Amino acid sequence: MRPAEELSRIIEMAWEDRTPFEAIENLYGVSEPAVIDIMRANLKRKTFNNWRKRVNGRKTKHLKLRPDEVSRGYCPTQYKVVSKR
């Protein structure tokens, strides 16, 4: 059983279009089929089905299929700095 925080991060990384499954495996030791099982167990059925449709065949989710020009694992606006007023 994984801690809730770790499970949450795995799910978040799986949702990210530019984060390859290999990155999840390197960080958490979770293979692509195991990520799919985690998503199936933790998402509503419709949400899981939508995620599978989106991820299936997405070149950025697999390092071997990823175009050379994709050099980072996240969108530049993903980690926005929130200014405190």
N, C-alpha and C. Protein backbone atom coordinates (compact mmCIF):
# COMPACT_ATOMS: atom_id res chain seq x y z
N MET A 1 0.85 -1.19 0.00
CA MET A 1 0.00 0.00 0.00
C MET A 1 0.88 1.25 0.00
N ARG A 2 0.61 2.15 -0.89
CA ARG A 2 1.39 3.38 -1.02
C ARG A 2 0.76 4.49 -0.17
N PRO A 3 1.60 5.39 0.34
CA PRO A 3 1.06 6.55 1.07
C PRO A 3 0.17 7.38 0.14
N ALA A 4 -0.83 8.02 0.70
CA ALA A 4 -1.79 8.79 -0.10
C ALA A 4 -1.10 9.89 -0.90
N GLU A 5 -0.10 10.53 -0.32
CA GLU A 5 0.61 11.61 -1.01
C GLU A 5 1.33 11.08 -2.25
N GLU A 6 1.97 9.93 -2.12
CA GLU A 6 2.67 9.32 -3.25
C GLU A 6 1.69 8.88 -4.33
N LEU A 7 0.61 8.29 -3.93
CA LEU A 7 -0.43 7.85 -4.87
C LEU A 7 -0.99 9.06 -5.62
N SER A 8 -1.22 10.14 -4.91
CA SER A 8 -1.73 11.36 -5.52
C SER A 8 -0.76 11.89 -6.56
N ARG A 9 0.53 11.86 -6.26
CA ARG A 9 1.54 12.35 -7.20
C ARG A 9 1.63 11.45 -8.44
N ILE A 10 1.51 10.16 -8.26
CA ILE A 10 1.53 9.23 -9.40
C ILE A 10 0.35 9.53 -10.32
N ILE A 11 -0.82 9.73 -9.75
CA ILE A 11 -2.02 10.05 -10.53
C ILE A 11 -1.83 11.38 -11.25
N GLU A 12 -1.29 12.36 -10.56
CA GLU A 12 -1.05 13.67 -11.16
C GLU A 12 -0.08 13.55 -12.34
N MET A 13 0.99 12.80 -12.17
CA MET A 13 1.97 12.62 -13.24
C MET A 13 1.36 11.87 -14.43
N ALA A 14 0.49 10.92 -14.15
CA ALA A 14 -0.16 10.17 -15.22
C ALA A 14 -1.08 11.08 -16.03
N TRP A 15 -1.70 12.06 -15.38
CA TRP A 15 -2.58 13.00 -16.09
C TRP A 15 -1.78 13.96 -16.97
N GLU A 16 -0.56 14.27 -16.57
CA GLU A 16 0.24 15.25 -17.31
C GLU A 16 0.62 14.68 -18.68
N ASP A 17 0.33 15.42 -19.72
CA ASP A 17 0.59 14.95 -21.08
C ASP A 17 2.07 14.75 -21.37
N ARG A 18 2.92 15.57 -20.81
CA ARG A 18 4.34 15.51 -21.15
C ARG A 18 5.17 14.64 -20.20
N THR A 19 4.57 14.10 -19.19
CA THR A 19 5.31 13.23 -18.27
C THR A 19 5.23 11.80 -18.77
N PRO A 20 6.36 11.23 -19.21
CA PRO A 20 6.32 9.87 -19.73
C PRO A 20 6.16 8.83 -18.61
N PHE A 21 5.61 7.70 -18.99
CA PHE A 21 5.45 6.61 -18.01
C PHE A 21 6.80 6.19 -17.44
N GLU A 22 7.86 6.33 -18.23
CA GLU A 22 9.20 5.95 -17.76
C GLU A 22 9.64 6.82 -16.59
N ALA A 23 9.24 8.09 -16.58
CA ALA A 23 9.57 8.97 -15.46
C ALA A 23 8.88 8.52 -14.19
N ILE A 24 7.64 8.09 -14.31
CA ILE A 24 6.90 7.58 -13.14
C ILE A 24 7.58 6.32 -12.63
N GLU A 25 7.99 5.46 -13.54
CA GLU A 25 8.67 4.23 -13.14
C GLU A 25 10.00 4.52 -12.47
N ASN A 26 10.76 5.48 -13.01
CA ASN A 26 12.06 5.83 -12.40
C ASN A 26 11.90 6.41 -11.01
N LEU A 27 10.89 7.24 -10.81
CA LEU A 27 10.69 7.89 -9.51
C LEU A 27 10.03 6.99 -8.47
N TYR A 28 9.04 6.21 -8.90
CA TYR A 28 8.23 5.46 -7.95
C TYR A 28 8.27 3.94 -8.13
N GLY A 29 8.96 3.47 -9.17
CA GLY A 29 9.05 2.03 -9.40
C GLY A 29 7.73 1.42 -9.84
N VAL A 30 6.90 2.21 -10.50
CA VAL A 30 5.58 1.76 -10.94
C VAL A 30 5.58 1.69 -12.47
N SER A 31 5.36 0.50 -13.00
CA SER A 31 5.36 0.31 -14.45
C SER A 31 4.08 0.89 -15.07
N GLU A 32 4.07 1.01 -16.40
CA GLU A 32 2.89 1.53 -17.09
C GLU A 32 1.63 0.71 -16.77
N PRO A 33 1.68 -0.63 -16.85
CA PRO A 33 0.46 -1.39 -16.49
C PRO A 33 0.01 -1.14 -15.05
N ALA A 34 0.97 -0.95 -14.13
CA ALA A 34 0.61 -0.68 -12.74
C ALA A 34 -0.01 0.72 -12.61
N VAL A 35 0.49 1.69 -13.39
CA VAL A 35 -0.10 3.04 -13.38
C VAL A 35 -1.55 2.95 -13.87
N ILE A 36 -1.77 2.18 -14.91
CA ILE A 36 -3.14 2.00 -15.43
C ILE A 36 -4.04 1.39 -14.35
N ASP A 37 -3.53 0.41 -13.62
CA ASP A 37 -4.30 -0.20 -12.53
C ASP A 37 -4.60 0.82 -11.43
N ILE A 38 -3.61 1.66 -11.11
CA ILE A 38 -3.81 2.71 -10.08
C ILE A 38 -4.89 3.68 -10.55
N MET A 39 -4.81 4.08 -11.81
CA MET A 39 -5.80 5.02 -12.34
C MET A 39 -7.19 4.38 -12.33
N ARG A 40 -7.28 3.13 -12.73
CA ARG A 40 -8.57 2.42 -12.76
C ARG A 40 -9.18 2.34 -11.36
N ALA A 41 -8.34 2.10 -10.36
CA ALA A 41 -8.83 1.92 -8.99
C ALA A 41 -9.19 3.25 -8.30
N ASN A 42 -8.62 4.36 -8.79
CA ASN A 42 -8.79 5.62 -8.07
C ASN A 42 -9.61 6.67 -8.81
N LEU A 43 -10.01 6.38 -10.03
CA LEU A 43 -10.82 7.32 -10.79
C LEU A 43 -12.21 6.74 -11.02
N LYS A 44 -13.16 7.62 -11.23
CA LYS A 44 -14.49 7.16 -11.63
C LYS A 44 -14.35 6.51 -13.00
N ARG A 45 -15.24 5.60 -13.31
CA ARG A 45 -15.15 4.84 -14.57
C ARG A 45 -15.08 5.74 -15.80
N LYS A 46 -15.95 6.72 -15.89
CA LYS A 46 -15.99 7.64 -17.04
C LYS A 46 -14.68 8.43 -17.12
N THR A 47 -14.19 8.89 -15.99
CA THR A 47 -12.94 9.65 -15.96
C THR A 47 -11.78 8.78 -16.39
N PHE A 48 -11.75 7.55 -15.91
CA PHE A 48 -10.70 6.61 -16.32
C PHE A 48 -10.76 6.36 -17.82
N ASN A 49 -11.96 6.11 -18.36
CA ASN A 49 -12.11 5.87 -19.79
C ASN A 49 -11.63 7.07 -20.61
N ASN A 50 -11.97 8.28 -20.16
CA ASN A 50 -11.51 9.48 -20.85
C ASN A 50 -9.98 9.59 -20.81
N TRP A 51 -9.40 9.29 -19.67
CA TRP A 51 -7.94 9.33 -19.53
C TRP A 51 -7.28 8.32 -20.47
N ARG A 52 -7.81 7.10 -20.52
CA ARG A 52 -7.24 6.06 -21.39
C ARG A 52 -7.32 6.47 -22.86
N LYS A 53 -8.43 7.06 -23.26
CA LYS A 53 -8.56 7.52 -24.64
C LYS A 53 -7.52 8.59 -24.95
N ARG A 54 -7.32 9.50 -24.01
CA ARG A 54 -6.37 10.59 -24.21
C ARG A 54 -4.93 10.10 -24.23
N VAL A 55 -4.60 9.18 -23.36
CA VAL A 55 -3.22 8.71 -23.22
C VAL A 55 -2.85 7.69 -24.30
N ASN A 56 -3.82 6.92 -24.74
CA ASN A 56 -3.55 5.86 -25.71
C ASN A 56 -2.98 6.44 -27.01
N GLY A 57 -1.76 6.07 -27.32
CA GLY A 57 -1.11 6.53 -28.54
C GLY A 57 -0.47 7.90 -28.44
N ARG A 58 -0.52 8.53 -27.28
CA ARG A 58 0.10 9.85 -27.10
C ARG A 58 1.61 9.69 -27.09
N LYS A 59 2.27 10.32 -28.03
CA LYS A 59 3.71 10.15 -28.20
C LYS A 59 4.52 10.69 -27.03
N THR A 60 4.03 11.69 -26.35
CA THR A 60 4.80 12.27 -25.24
C THR A 60 4.76 11.42 -23.98
N LYS A 61 3.90 10.40 -23.93
CA LYS A 61 3.82 9.54 -22.74
C LYS A 61 4.83 8.39 -22.78
N HIS A 62 5.57 8.26 -23.88
CA HIS A 62 6.57 7.20 -24.02
C HIS A 62 7.85 7.80 -24.57
N LEU A 63 8.95 7.63 -23.87
CA LEU A 63 10.22 8.22 -24.30
C LEU A 63 10.63 7.78 -25.69
N LYS A 64 10.40 6.52 -26.04
CA LYS A 64 10.81 6.01 -27.35
C LYS A 64 10.01 6.65 -28.49
N LEU A 65 8.79 7.07 -28.23
CA LEU A 65 7.95 7.67 -29.27
C LEU A 65 8.04 9.20 -29.28
N ARG A 66 8.64 9.76 -28.26
CA ARG A 66 8.67 11.20 -28.06
C ARG A 66 9.55 11.90 -29.10
N PRO A 67 9.03 12.94 -29.73
CA PRO A 67 9.85 13.70 -30.68
C PRO A 67 11.05 14.35 -29.98
N ASP A 68 12.13 14.51 -30.70
CA ASP A 68 13.35 15.08 -30.12
C ASP A 68 13.16 16.50 -29.59
N GLU A 69 12.25 17.27 -30.20
CA GLU A 69 12.05 18.65 -29.77
C GLU A 69 11.35 18.77 -28.42
N VAL A 70 10.77 17.70 -27.92
CA VAL A 70 10.15 17.72 -26.59
C VAL A 70 11.24 17.38 -25.58
N SER A 71 11.73 18.42 -24.92
CA SER A 71 12.88 18.23 -24.04
C SER A 71 12.54 18.34 -22.56
N ARG A 72 11.31 18.67 -22.24
CA ARG A 72 10.96 18.81 -20.83
C ARG A 72 9.70 17.99 -20.54
N GLY A 73 9.48 17.72 -19.28
CA GLY A 73 8.37 16.87 -18.89
C GLY A 73 7.14 17.63 -18.46
N TYR A 74 7.15 18.95 -18.60
CA TYR A 74 5.98 19.71 -18.18
C TYR A 74 5.84 20.97 -19.01
N CYS A 75 4.67 21.53 -19.00
CA CYS A 75 4.38 22.76 -19.70
C CYS A 75 4.97 23.93 -18.90
N PRO A 76 5.52 24.96 -19.56
CA PRO A 76 6.14 26.07 -18.83
C PRO A 76 5.18 26.78 -17.86
N THR A 77 3.89 26.73 -18.12
CA THR A 77 2.93 27.40 -17.24
C THR A 77 2.36 26.47 -16.16
N GLN A 78 2.83 25.23 -16.13
CA GLN A 78 2.27 24.27 -15.18
C GLN A 78 2.57 24.63 -13.73
N TYR A 79 3.78 25.05 -13.46
CA TYR A 79 4.17 25.37 -12.08
C TYR A 79 4.26 26.87 -11.94
N LYS A 80 3.11 27.50 -11.85
CA LYS A 80 3.03 28.96 -11.76
C LYS A 80 3.39 29.41 -10.36
N VAL A 81 4.09 30.52 -10.30
CA VAL A 81 4.42 31.13 -9.02
C VAL A 81 3.27 32.05 -8.64
N VAL A 82 2.71 31.82 -7.48
CA VAL A 82 1.59 32.63 -7.02
C VAL A 82 2.14 33.75 -6.17
N SER A 83 1.84 34.97 -6.57
CA SER A 83 2.33 36.12 -5.79
C SER A 83 1.37 36.37 -4.64
N LYS A 84 1.96 36.67 -3.50
CA LYS A 84 1.16 36.96 -2.30
C LYS A 84 1.06 38.47 -2.15
N ARG A 85 -0.13 38.93 -1.97
CA ARG A 85 -0.33 40.38 -1.84
C ARG A 85 -0.53 40.76 -0.41
